[in-house]
Amino acid sequence: MAPLTGAATRPRTLVLLRHAKADRPVGLSDTDRPLTDRGHADAAAAGAWMVNHGYVPDLVLCSPARRTRQTWHSVAVALAGAGSPVVRYERELYDGAPGDLLDLIRTVEPEFRNVLVIGHNPTISQLSEQLDTGGGEVDSDGLRTCGIAVHQPESDWPVTDTAKLVAAHTARA
């Protein structure tokens, strides 16, 4: 039997990103909260960090909330020229539990090897902690705004419930 080649043989990487710093204007619903200027700058720094460390996504799963969409936009600007990922806005990333996010991740098609998930606390931090096999340094306080947790599954999706934390970073401009 010939060895497999191509994208399907590369290990999958799951990058979890908590949205960047958001404002709390009076009168706006939670889903409509915008990023602050610092939030936009930090999100661009997150994108630059992903490029510099080889974590350029080919699929982005993003909460439909304004602050996560704006986080993605600023990350995408920093990724310019590094790739054009498919982007999907998923309601579960706004109001789902960690198990809902894991179920969503399990549905990702095998051709997508580097998946970026942009979501909210506490769920995104809880998912990172749930996935980690203990080898990484998951922060017990959770991801800070624009915090990144990079996981590599022990086996391929959709069969795995664990993914080792291989890198973590809090992006600041």
N, C-alpha and C. Protein backbone atom coordinates (compact mmCIF):
# COMPACT_ATOMS: atom_id res chain seq x y z
N MET A 1 0.84 -1.18 0.00
CA MET A 1 0.00 0.00 0.00
C MET A 1 0.89 1.25 0.00
N ALA A 2 0.63 2.17 -0.89
CA ALA A 2 1.42 3.40 -0.99
C ALA A 2 1.07 4.34 0.16
N PRO A 3 2.06 5.11 0.65
CA PRO A 3 1.77 6.06 1.72
C PRO A 3 0.86 7.17 1.23
N LEU A 4 0.06 7.69 2.13
CA LEU A 4 -0.81 8.80 1.79
C LEU A 4 0.02 10.07 1.63
N THR A 5 -0.39 10.91 0.72
CA THR A 5 0.30 12.18 0.53
C THR A 5 -0.73 13.29 0.50
N GLY A 6 -0.26 14.51 0.61
CA GLY A 6 -1.15 15.65 0.49
C GLY A 6 -1.70 16.13 1.82
N ALA A 7 -2.73 16.96 1.72
CA ALA A 7 -3.29 17.64 2.89
C ALA A 7 -3.78 16.68 3.95
N ALA A 8 -4.36 15.58 3.55
CA ALA A 8 -4.95 14.67 4.53
C ALA A 8 -3.92 14.02 5.44
N THR A 9 -2.64 14.06 5.08
CA THR A 9 -1.61 13.45 5.92
C THR A 9 -0.99 14.44 6.91
N ARG A 10 -1.20 15.73 6.71
CA ARG A 10 -0.69 16.73 7.65
C ARG A 10 -1.52 16.65 8.93
N PRO A 11 -0.89 16.85 10.08
CA PRO A 11 -1.68 16.85 11.31
C PRO A 11 -2.66 18.02 11.31
N ARG A 12 -3.79 17.81 11.92
CA ARG A 12 -4.77 18.89 12.03
C ARG A 12 -4.40 19.77 13.22
N THR A 13 -4.69 21.04 13.06
CA THR A 13 -4.43 22.00 14.12
C THR A 13 -5.71 22.78 14.38
N LEU A 14 -6.02 22.94 15.65
CA LEU A 14 -7.19 23.69 16.08
C LEU A 14 -6.70 24.90 16.86
N VAL A 15 -7.00 26.08 16.33
CA VAL A 15 -6.60 27.33 16.98
C VAL A 15 -7.86 27.95 17.58
N LEU A 16 -7.88 28.07 18.90
CA LEU A 16 -9.00 28.70 19.60
C LEU A 16 -8.60 30.13 19.92
N LEU A 17 -9.46 31.08 19.56
CA LEU A 17 -9.17 32.50 19.77
C LEU A 17 -10.36 33.15 20.46
N ARG A 18 -10.11 33.73 21.62
CA ARG A 18 -11.15 34.53 22.27
C ARG A 18 -11.16 35.88 21.57
N HIS A 19 -12.34 36.43 21.35
CA HIS A 19 -12.44 37.73 20.68
C HIS A 19 -11.59 38.78 21.39
N ALA A 20 -11.27 39.83 20.66
CA ALA A 20 -10.45 40.92 21.20
C ALA A 20 -11.30 41.82 22.11
N LYS A 21 -10.64 42.78 22.73
CA LYS A 21 -11.27 43.69 23.70
C LYS A 21 -12.45 44.43 23.06
N ALA A 22 -13.61 44.32 23.73
CA ALA A 22 -14.83 44.93 23.21
C ALA A 22 -15.32 46.04 24.14
N ASP A 23 -16.05 46.96 23.55
CA ASP A 23 -16.67 48.05 24.29
C ASP A 23 -18.03 47.59 24.82
N ARG A 24 -18.58 48.34 25.76
CA ARG A 24 -19.92 48.05 26.31
C ARG A 24 -20.79 49.30 26.23
N PRO A 25 -21.10 49.78 25.04
CA PRO A 25 -21.93 50.99 24.94
C PRO A 25 -23.33 50.76 25.51
N VAL A 26 -23.83 51.77 26.19
CA VAL A 26 -25.17 51.71 26.75
C VAL A 26 -26.17 51.61 25.60
N GLY A 27 -27.15 50.73 25.75
CA GLY A 27 -28.21 50.62 24.77
C GLY A 27 -27.98 49.60 23.67
N LEU A 28 -26.78 49.03 23.58
CA LEU A 28 -26.52 48.01 22.57
C LEU A 28 -26.69 46.62 23.18
N SER A 29 -27.23 45.72 22.39
CA SER A 29 -27.34 44.34 22.85
C SER A 29 -25.95 43.72 22.91
N ASP A 30 -25.83 42.62 23.64
CA ASP A 30 -24.54 41.94 23.77
C ASP A 30 -23.99 41.54 22.41
N THR A 31 -24.85 41.09 21.51
CA THR A 31 -24.37 40.64 20.20
C THR A 31 -23.87 41.79 19.33
N ASP A 32 -24.23 43.02 19.67
CA ASP A 32 -23.84 44.18 18.87
C ASP A 32 -22.64 44.94 19.42
N ARG A 33 -22.02 44.44 20.49
CA ARG A 33 -20.88 45.14 21.09
C ARG A 33 -19.70 45.19 20.11
N PRO A 34 -19.15 46.39 19.87
CA PRO A 34 -18.01 46.53 18.95
C PRO A 34 -16.68 46.39 19.68
N LEU A 35 -15.63 46.17 18.91
CA LEU A 35 -14.28 46.18 19.46
C LEU A 35 -13.86 47.61 19.79
N THR A 36 -12.97 47.72 20.75
CA THR A 36 -12.32 49.00 21.02
C THR A 36 -11.18 49.15 20.01
N ASP A 37 -10.57 50.33 19.99
CA ASP A 37 -9.40 50.52 19.12
C ASP A 37 -8.30 49.54 19.50
N ARG A 38 -8.08 49.37 20.81
CA ARG A 38 -7.08 48.39 21.26
C ARG A 38 -7.45 46.99 20.78
N GLY A 39 -8.73 46.66 20.82
CA GLY A 39 -9.18 45.34 20.36
C GLY A 39 -8.82 45.09 18.90
N HIS A 40 -9.05 46.09 18.05
CA HIS A 40 -8.69 45.94 16.63
C HIS A 40 -7.18 45.72 16.48
N ALA A 41 -6.40 46.49 17.22
CA ALA A 41 -4.93 46.37 17.13
C ALA A 41 -4.46 45.02 17.66
N ASP A 42 -5.04 44.57 18.76
CA ASP A 42 -4.66 43.26 19.32
C ASP A 42 -5.03 42.13 18.37
N ALA A 43 -6.19 42.22 17.73
CA ALA A 43 -6.60 41.18 16.79
C ALA A 43 -5.64 41.11 15.59
N ALA A 44 -5.20 42.27 15.11
CA ALA A 44 -4.20 42.28 14.04
C ALA A 44 -2.91 41.62 14.51
N ALA A 45 -2.53 41.88 15.77
CA ALA A 45 -1.33 41.24 16.33
C ALA A 45 -1.52 39.73 16.43
N ALA A 46 -2.74 39.29 16.72
CA ALA A 46 -3.02 37.84 16.75
C ALA A 46 -2.82 37.23 15.37
N GLY A 47 -3.30 37.91 14.34
CA GLY A 47 -3.11 37.41 12.98
C GLY A 47 -1.64 37.33 12.60
N ALA A 48 -0.88 38.36 12.97
CA ALA A 48 0.56 38.35 12.69
C ALA A 48 1.25 37.20 13.42
N TRP A 49 0.85 36.95 14.66
CA TRP A 49 1.42 35.83 15.43
C TRP A 49 1.11 34.51 14.73
N MET A 50 -0.12 34.35 14.26
CA MET A 50 -0.49 33.10 13.56
C MET A 50 0.37 32.89 12.31
N VAL A 51 0.57 33.95 11.54
CA VAL A 51 1.40 33.85 10.34
C VAL A 51 2.83 33.48 10.73
N ASN A 52 3.39 34.17 11.71
CA ASN A 52 4.78 33.94 12.12
C ASN A 52 5.02 32.56 12.70
N HIS A 53 3.98 31.93 13.22
CA HIS A 53 4.13 30.61 13.84
C HIS A 53 3.53 29.48 13.00
N GLY A 54 3.11 29.79 11.78
CA GLY A 54 2.62 28.76 10.87
C GLY A 54 1.22 28.24 11.16
N TYR A 55 0.39 29.07 11.78
CA TYR A 55 -0.98 28.65 12.10
C TYR A 55 -2.00 29.40 11.25
N VAL A 56 -1.74 29.52 9.96
CA VAL A 56 -2.66 30.19 9.05
C VAL A 56 -3.84 29.26 8.80
N PRO A 57 -5.06 29.71 9.08
CA PRO A 57 -6.21 28.82 8.93
C PRO A 57 -6.63 28.62 7.48
N ASP A 58 -7.18 27.43 7.21
CA ASP A 58 -7.86 27.23 5.93
C ASP A 58 -9.37 27.20 6.13
N LEU A 59 -9.81 27.16 7.39
CA LEU A 59 -11.22 27.28 7.75
C LEU A 59 -11.33 28.11 9.02
N VAL A 60 -12.28 29.04 9.02
CA VAL A 60 -12.56 29.86 10.20
C VAL A 60 -14.01 29.61 10.60
N LEU A 61 -14.20 29.22 11.85
CA LEU A 61 -15.53 29.11 12.45
C LEU A 61 -15.65 30.26 13.42
N CYS A 62 -16.61 31.15 13.19
CA CYS A 62 -16.68 32.40 13.95
C CYS A 62 -18.09 32.61 14.49
N SER A 63 -18.16 33.08 15.72
CA SER A 63 -19.44 33.49 16.30
C SER A 63 -20.01 34.63 15.45
N PRO A 64 -21.33 34.72 15.34
CA PRO A 64 -21.92 35.82 14.57
C PRO A 64 -21.97 37.15 15.32
N ALA A 65 -21.54 37.20 16.57
CA ALA A 65 -21.55 38.46 17.31
C ALA A 65 -20.61 39.47 16.65
N ARG A 66 -20.96 40.73 16.75
CA ARG A 66 -20.19 41.79 16.10
C ARG A 66 -18.72 41.77 16.52
N ARG A 67 -18.42 41.61 17.81
CA ARG A 67 -17.03 41.67 18.27
C ARG A 67 -16.19 40.52 17.74
N THR A 68 -16.79 39.35 17.53
CA THR A 68 -16.02 38.24 16.96
C THR A 68 -15.83 38.43 15.46
N ARG A 69 -16.85 38.95 14.78
CA ARG A 69 -16.69 39.23 13.35
C ARG A 69 -15.62 40.29 13.13
N GLN A 70 -15.60 41.32 14.00
CA GLN A 70 -14.57 42.35 13.88
C GLN A 70 -13.19 41.80 14.23
N THR A 71 -13.14 40.90 15.20
CA THR A 71 -11.87 40.24 15.52
C THR A 71 -11.37 39.51 14.29
N TRP A 72 -12.24 38.73 13.64
CA TRP A 72 -11.84 38.00 12.44
C TRP A 72 -11.35 38.96 11.37
N HIS A 73 -12.07 40.06 11.15
CA HIS A 73 -11.67 41.00 10.10
C HIS A 73 -10.25 41.52 10.34
N SER A 74 -9.94 41.89 11.58
CA SER A 74 -8.60 42.39 11.88
C SER A 74 -7.54 41.30 11.77
N VAL A 75 -7.88 40.08 12.16
CA VAL A 75 -6.96 38.95 11.97
C VAL A 75 -6.73 38.74 10.47
N ALA A 76 -7.81 38.77 9.69
CA ALA A 76 -7.72 38.52 8.24
C ALA A 76 -6.82 39.54 7.55
N VAL A 77 -6.89 40.79 7.97
CA VAL A 77 -6.02 41.82 7.38
C VAL A 77 -4.56 41.43 7.60
N ALA A 78 -4.25 40.94 8.79
CA ALA A 78 -2.87 40.53 9.09
C ALA A 78 -2.46 39.29 8.32
N LEU A 79 -3.44 38.47 7.92
CA LEU A 79 -3.15 37.25 7.16
C LEU A 79 -3.03 37.51 5.67
N ALA A 80 -3.31 38.72 5.22
CA ALA A 80 -3.33 39.03 3.79
C ALA A 80 -2.12 38.46 3.08
N GLY A 81 -2.39 37.73 2.02
CA GLY A 81 -1.32 37.12 1.24
C GLY A 81 -0.89 35.76 1.75
N ALA A 82 -1.35 35.38 2.95
CA ALA A 82 -0.95 34.09 3.52
C ALA A 82 -1.97 32.99 3.24
N GLY A 83 -3.12 33.37 2.70
CA GLY A 83 -4.15 32.37 2.41
C GLY A 83 -5.52 33.00 2.42
N SER A 84 -6.48 32.27 1.87
CA SER A 84 -7.87 32.72 1.82
C SER A 84 -8.77 31.64 2.41
N PRO A 85 -8.95 31.65 3.72
CA PRO A 85 -9.73 30.58 4.33
C PRO A 85 -11.22 30.69 4.04
N VAL A 86 -11.89 29.57 4.15
CA VAL A 86 -13.35 29.54 4.13
C VAL A 86 -13.79 30.05 5.50
N VAL A 87 -14.83 30.90 5.53
CA VAL A 87 -15.32 31.46 6.79
C VAL A 87 -16.77 31.07 6.97
N ARG A 88 -17.09 30.54 8.16
CA ARG A 88 -18.46 30.16 8.50
C ARG A 88 -18.83 30.81 9.83
N TYR A 89 -19.98 31.46 9.85
CA TYR A 89 -20.49 32.06 11.08
C TYR A 89 -21.49 31.09 11.70
N GLU A 90 -21.19 30.67 12.92
CA GLU A 90 -21.95 29.59 13.57
C GLU A 90 -22.53 30.08 14.90
N ARG A 91 -23.85 29.99 15.03
CA ARG A 91 -24.56 30.44 16.23
C ARG A 91 -24.05 29.75 17.50
N GLU A 92 -23.70 28.47 17.40
CA GLU A 92 -23.24 27.72 18.58
C GLU A 92 -22.03 28.39 19.23
N LEU A 93 -21.26 29.12 18.45
CA LEU A 93 -20.08 29.78 18.98
C LEU A 93 -20.43 31.00 19.83
N TYR A 94 -21.66 31.46 19.73
CA TYR A 94 -22.10 32.57 20.58
C TYR A 94 -22.73 32.06 21.87
N ASP A 95 -23.62 31.10 21.76
CA ASP A 95 -24.39 30.72 22.95
C ASP A 95 -24.33 29.23 23.28
N GLY A 96 -23.39 28.51 22.69
CA GLY A 96 -23.29 27.08 22.95
C GLY A 96 -22.39 26.76 24.13
N ALA A 97 -22.50 25.52 24.58
CA ALA A 97 -21.64 24.98 25.63
C ALA A 97 -20.40 24.38 24.98
N PRO A 98 -19.36 24.07 25.76
CA PRO A 98 -18.16 23.45 25.18
C PRO A 98 -18.47 22.20 24.35
N GLY A 99 -19.40 21.38 24.79
CA GLY A 99 -19.77 20.18 24.03
C GLY A 99 -20.37 20.52 22.68
N ASP A 100 -21.12 21.62 22.60
CA ASP A 100 -21.69 22.06 21.33
C ASP A 100 -20.59 22.48 20.37
N LEU A 101 -19.58 23.17 20.89
CA LEU A 101 -18.45 23.58 20.06
C LEU A 101 -17.67 22.37 19.56
N LEU A 102 -17.47 21.41 20.44
CA LEU A 102 -16.76 20.20 20.05
C LEU A 102 -17.54 19.44 18.98
N ASP A 103 -18.86 19.37 19.13
CA ASP A 103 -19.69 18.73 18.10
C ASP A 103 -19.55 19.45 16.77
N LEU A 104 -19.52 20.78 16.79
CA LEU A 104 -19.35 21.57 15.57
C LEU A 104 -17.99 21.28 14.94
N ILE A 105 -16.95 21.24 15.74
CA ILE A 105 -15.60 20.97 15.24
C ILE A 105 -15.52 19.58 14.62
N ARG A 106 -16.23 18.64 15.19
CA ARG A 106 -16.22 17.27 14.66
C ARG A 106 -16.83 17.18 13.25
N THR A 107 -17.63 18.17 12.87
CA THR A 107 -18.25 18.14 11.54
C THR A 107 -17.37 18.73 10.45
N VAL A 108 -16.21 19.27 10.83
CA VAL A 108 -15.32 19.90 9.85
C VAL A 108 -14.79 18.85 8.88
N GLU A 109 -14.90 19.17 7.61
CA GLU A 109 -14.47 18.26 6.55
C GLU A 109 -12.96 18.01 6.64
N PRO A 110 -12.53 16.80 6.26
CA PRO A 110 -11.12 16.41 6.42
C PRO A 110 -10.13 17.26 5.62
N GLU A 111 -10.56 17.91 4.57
CA GLU A 111 -9.60 18.71 3.78
C GLU A 111 -9.14 19.96 4.54
N PHE A 112 -9.87 20.37 5.57
CA PHE A 112 -9.46 21.53 6.36
C PHE A 112 -8.52 21.05 7.46
N ARG A 113 -7.26 21.49 7.39
CA ARG A 113 -6.24 21.01 8.32
C ARG A 113 -5.95 21.99 9.44
N ASN A 114 -6.09 23.29 9.18
CA ASN A 114 -5.86 24.32 10.19
C ASN A 114 -7.15 25.09 10.40
N VAL A 115 -7.79 24.85 11.54
CA VAL A 115 -9.10 25.42 11.81
C VAL A 115 -8.98 26.46 12.92
N LEU A 116 -9.45 27.66 12.64
CA LEU A 116 -9.49 28.74 13.61
C LEU A 116 -10.92 28.89 14.11
N VAL A 117 -11.10 28.85 15.43
CA VAL A 117 -12.41 29.03 16.05
C VAL A 117 -12.36 30.31 16.87
N ILE A 118 -13.24 31.27 16.54
CA ILE A 118 -13.28 32.55 17.25
C ILE A 118 -14.56 32.61 18.06
N GLY A 119 -14.40 32.69 19.38
CA GLY A 119 -15.58 32.64 20.24
C GLY A 119 -15.43 33.47 21.49
N HIS A 120 -16.20 33.09 22.50
CA HIS A 120 -16.39 33.87 23.72
C HIS A 120 -16.04 33.06 24.96
N ASN A 121 -15.71 33.78 26.01
CA ASN A 121 -15.57 33.15 27.32
C ASN A 121 -16.93 33.09 28.00
N PRO A 122 -17.18 32.14 28.85
CA PRO A 122 -16.22 31.15 29.32
C PRO A 122 -16.07 29.94 28.40
N THR A 123 -16.91 29.83 27.38
CA THR A 123 -16.99 28.60 26.59
C THR A 123 -15.70 28.26 25.87
N ILE A 124 -15.05 29.24 25.24
CA ILE A 124 -13.85 28.95 24.46
C ILE A 124 -12.72 28.47 25.38
N SER A 125 -12.62 29.06 26.58
CA SER A 125 -11.61 28.62 27.55
C SER A 125 -11.94 27.24 28.11
N GLN A 126 -13.21 27.00 28.37
CA GLN A 126 -13.62 25.69 28.87
C GLN A 126 -13.33 24.60 27.85
N LEU A 127 -13.55 24.90 26.58
CA LEU A 127 -13.24 23.93 25.53
C LEU A 127 -11.75 23.64 25.50
N SER A 128 -10.91 24.67 25.58
CA SER A 128 -9.46 24.47 25.58
C SER A 128 -9.04 23.58 26.74
N GLU A 129 -9.58 23.85 27.91
CA GLU A 129 -9.24 23.05 29.08
C GLU A 129 -9.73 21.61 28.94
N GLN A 130 -10.93 21.44 28.39
CA GLN A 130 -11.50 20.11 28.18
C GLN A 130 -10.68 19.29 27.19
N LEU A 131 -10.19 19.93 26.14
CA LEU A 131 -9.43 19.23 25.11
C LEU A 131 -8.04 18.81 25.56
N ASP A 132 -7.39 19.64 26.37
CA ASP A 132 -5.99 19.42 26.70
C ASP A 132 -5.78 18.12 27.47
N THR A 133 -4.75 17.41 27.09
CA THR A 133 -4.43 16.12 27.70
C THR A 133 -3.54 16.26 28.93
N GLY A 134 -3.24 17.48 29.31
CA GLY A 134 -2.41 17.69 30.49
C GLY A 134 -0.98 18.05 30.17
N GLY A 135 -0.58 17.96 28.92
CA GLY A 135 0.80 18.27 28.56
C GLY A 135 1.05 19.74 28.38
N GLY A 136 -0.03 20.53 28.17
CA GLY A 136 0.14 21.95 27.91
C GLY A 136 -0.01 22.77 29.17
N GLU A 137 0.06 24.04 29.00
CA GLU A 137 -0.05 24.97 30.12
C GLU A 137 -1.34 25.77 29.98
N VAL A 138 -2.48 25.08 30.11
CA VAL A 138 -3.76 25.78 30.04
C VAL A 138 -3.88 26.69 31.25
N ASP A 139 -4.16 27.96 31.01
CA ASP A 139 -4.29 28.94 32.09
C ASP A 139 -5.60 28.68 32.82
N SER A 140 -5.53 28.44 34.11
CA SER A 140 -6.73 28.13 34.89
C SER A 140 -7.70 29.30 34.95
N ASP A 141 -7.22 30.51 34.66
CA ASP A 141 -8.10 31.68 34.61
C ASP A 141 -8.77 31.82 33.25
N GLY A 142 -8.43 30.99 32.31
CA GLY A 142 -9.03 31.05 30.98
C GLY A 142 -8.29 31.99 30.05
N LEU A 143 -8.73 32.02 28.82
CA LEU A 143 -8.13 32.89 27.81
C LEU A 143 -8.52 34.33 28.08
N ARG A 144 -7.56 35.21 28.01
CA ARG A 144 -7.84 36.64 28.12
C ARG A 144 -8.32 37.13 26.75
N THR A 145 -8.76 38.38 26.68
CA THR A 145 -9.18 38.88 25.37
C THR A 145 -8.02 38.74 24.40
N CYS A 146 -8.32 38.26 23.23
CA CYS A 146 -7.36 37.99 22.16
C CYS A 146 -6.35 36.91 22.57
N GLY A 147 -6.78 36.03 23.46
CA GLY A 147 -5.95 34.89 23.85
C GLY A 147 -6.09 33.77 22.83
N ILE A 148 -4.99 33.11 22.56
CA ILE A 148 -4.92 32.05 21.56
C ILE A 148 -4.46 30.76 22.24
N ALA A 149 -5.15 29.68 21.94
CA ALA A 149 -4.73 28.35 22.40
C ALA A 149 -4.69 27.44 21.17
N VAL A 150 -3.52 26.88 20.89
CA VAL A 150 -3.34 26.02 19.71
C VAL A 150 -3.30 24.57 20.18
N HIS A 151 -4.18 23.76 19.63
CA HIS A 151 -4.28 22.35 20.01
C HIS A 151 -4.04 21.46 18.80
N GLN A 152 -3.41 20.33 19.03
CA GLN A 152 -3.27 19.30 18.00
C GLN A 152 -3.91 18.02 18.53
N PRO A 153 -4.90 17.50 17.80
CA PRO A 153 -5.61 16.30 18.25
C PRO A 153 -4.68 15.09 18.35
N GLU A 154 -4.98 14.23 19.30
CA GLU A 154 -4.23 12.99 19.50
C GLU A 154 -4.46 12.05 18.31
N SER A 155 -5.66 12.08 17.76
CA SER A 155 -5.98 11.32 16.55
C SER A 155 -6.84 12.25 15.70
N ASP A 156 -7.17 11.82 14.50
CA ASP A 156 -7.88 12.72 13.60
C ASP A 156 -9.33 12.93 14.02
N TRP A 157 -9.85 14.10 13.68
CA TRP A 157 -11.28 14.34 13.88
C TRP A 157 -12.03 13.39 12.96
N PRO A 158 -13.20 12.99 13.24
CA PRO A 158 -14.07 13.39 14.35
C PRO A 158 -14.00 12.47 15.55
N VAL A 159 -13.05 11.55 15.58
CA VAL A 159 -13.06 10.53 16.63
C VAL A 159 -12.43 10.98 17.95
N THR A 160 -11.74 12.09 17.97
CA THR A 160 -11.00 12.47 19.17
C THR A 160 -11.79 13.38 20.10
N ASP A 161 -11.53 13.24 21.37
CA ASP A 161 -12.05 14.16 22.39
C ASP A 161 -10.92 14.91 23.06
N THR A 162 -9.69 14.66 22.63
CA THR A 162 -8.53 15.30 23.23
C THR A 162 -7.65 15.92 22.16
N ALA A 163 -6.98 16.97 22.55
CA ALA A 163 -6.07 17.66 21.64
C ALA A 163 -5.06 18.41 22.49
N LYS A 164 -3.83 18.01 22.40
CA LYS A 164 -2.76 18.58 23.22
C LYS A 164 -2.57 20.07 22.93
N LEU A 165 -2.44 20.85 23.99
CA LEU A 165 -2.11 22.26 23.85
C LEU A 165 -0.64 22.35 23.45
N VAL A 166 -0.37 22.89 22.25
CA VAL A 166 1.00 22.96 21.76
C VAL A 166 1.55 24.38 21.75
N ALA A 167 0.67 25.37 21.87
CA ALA A 167 1.11 26.76 21.93
C ALA A 167 -0.01 27.60 22.52
N ALA A 168 0.39 28.66 23.19
CA ALA A 168 -0.58 29.61 23.74
C ALA A 168 0.04 31.00 23.68
N HIS A 169 -0.81 31.98 23.47
CA HIS A 169 -0.32 33.35 23.32
C HIS A 169 -1.47 34.31 23.60
N THR A 170 -1.16 35.43 24.21
CA THR A 170 -2.12 36.52 24.34
C THR A 170 -1.61 37.66 23.48
N ALA A 171 -2.34 37.97 22.42
CA ALA A 171 -1.88 38.97 21.45
C ALA A 171 -2.11 40.38 21.98
N ARG A 172 -1.08 41.17 21.91
CA ARG A 172 -1.15 42.58 22.28
C ARG A 172 -0.38 43.38 21.24
N ALA A 173 -0.97 44.50 20.85
CA ALA A 173 -0.35 45.35 19.83
C ALA A 173 0.79 46.16 20.44
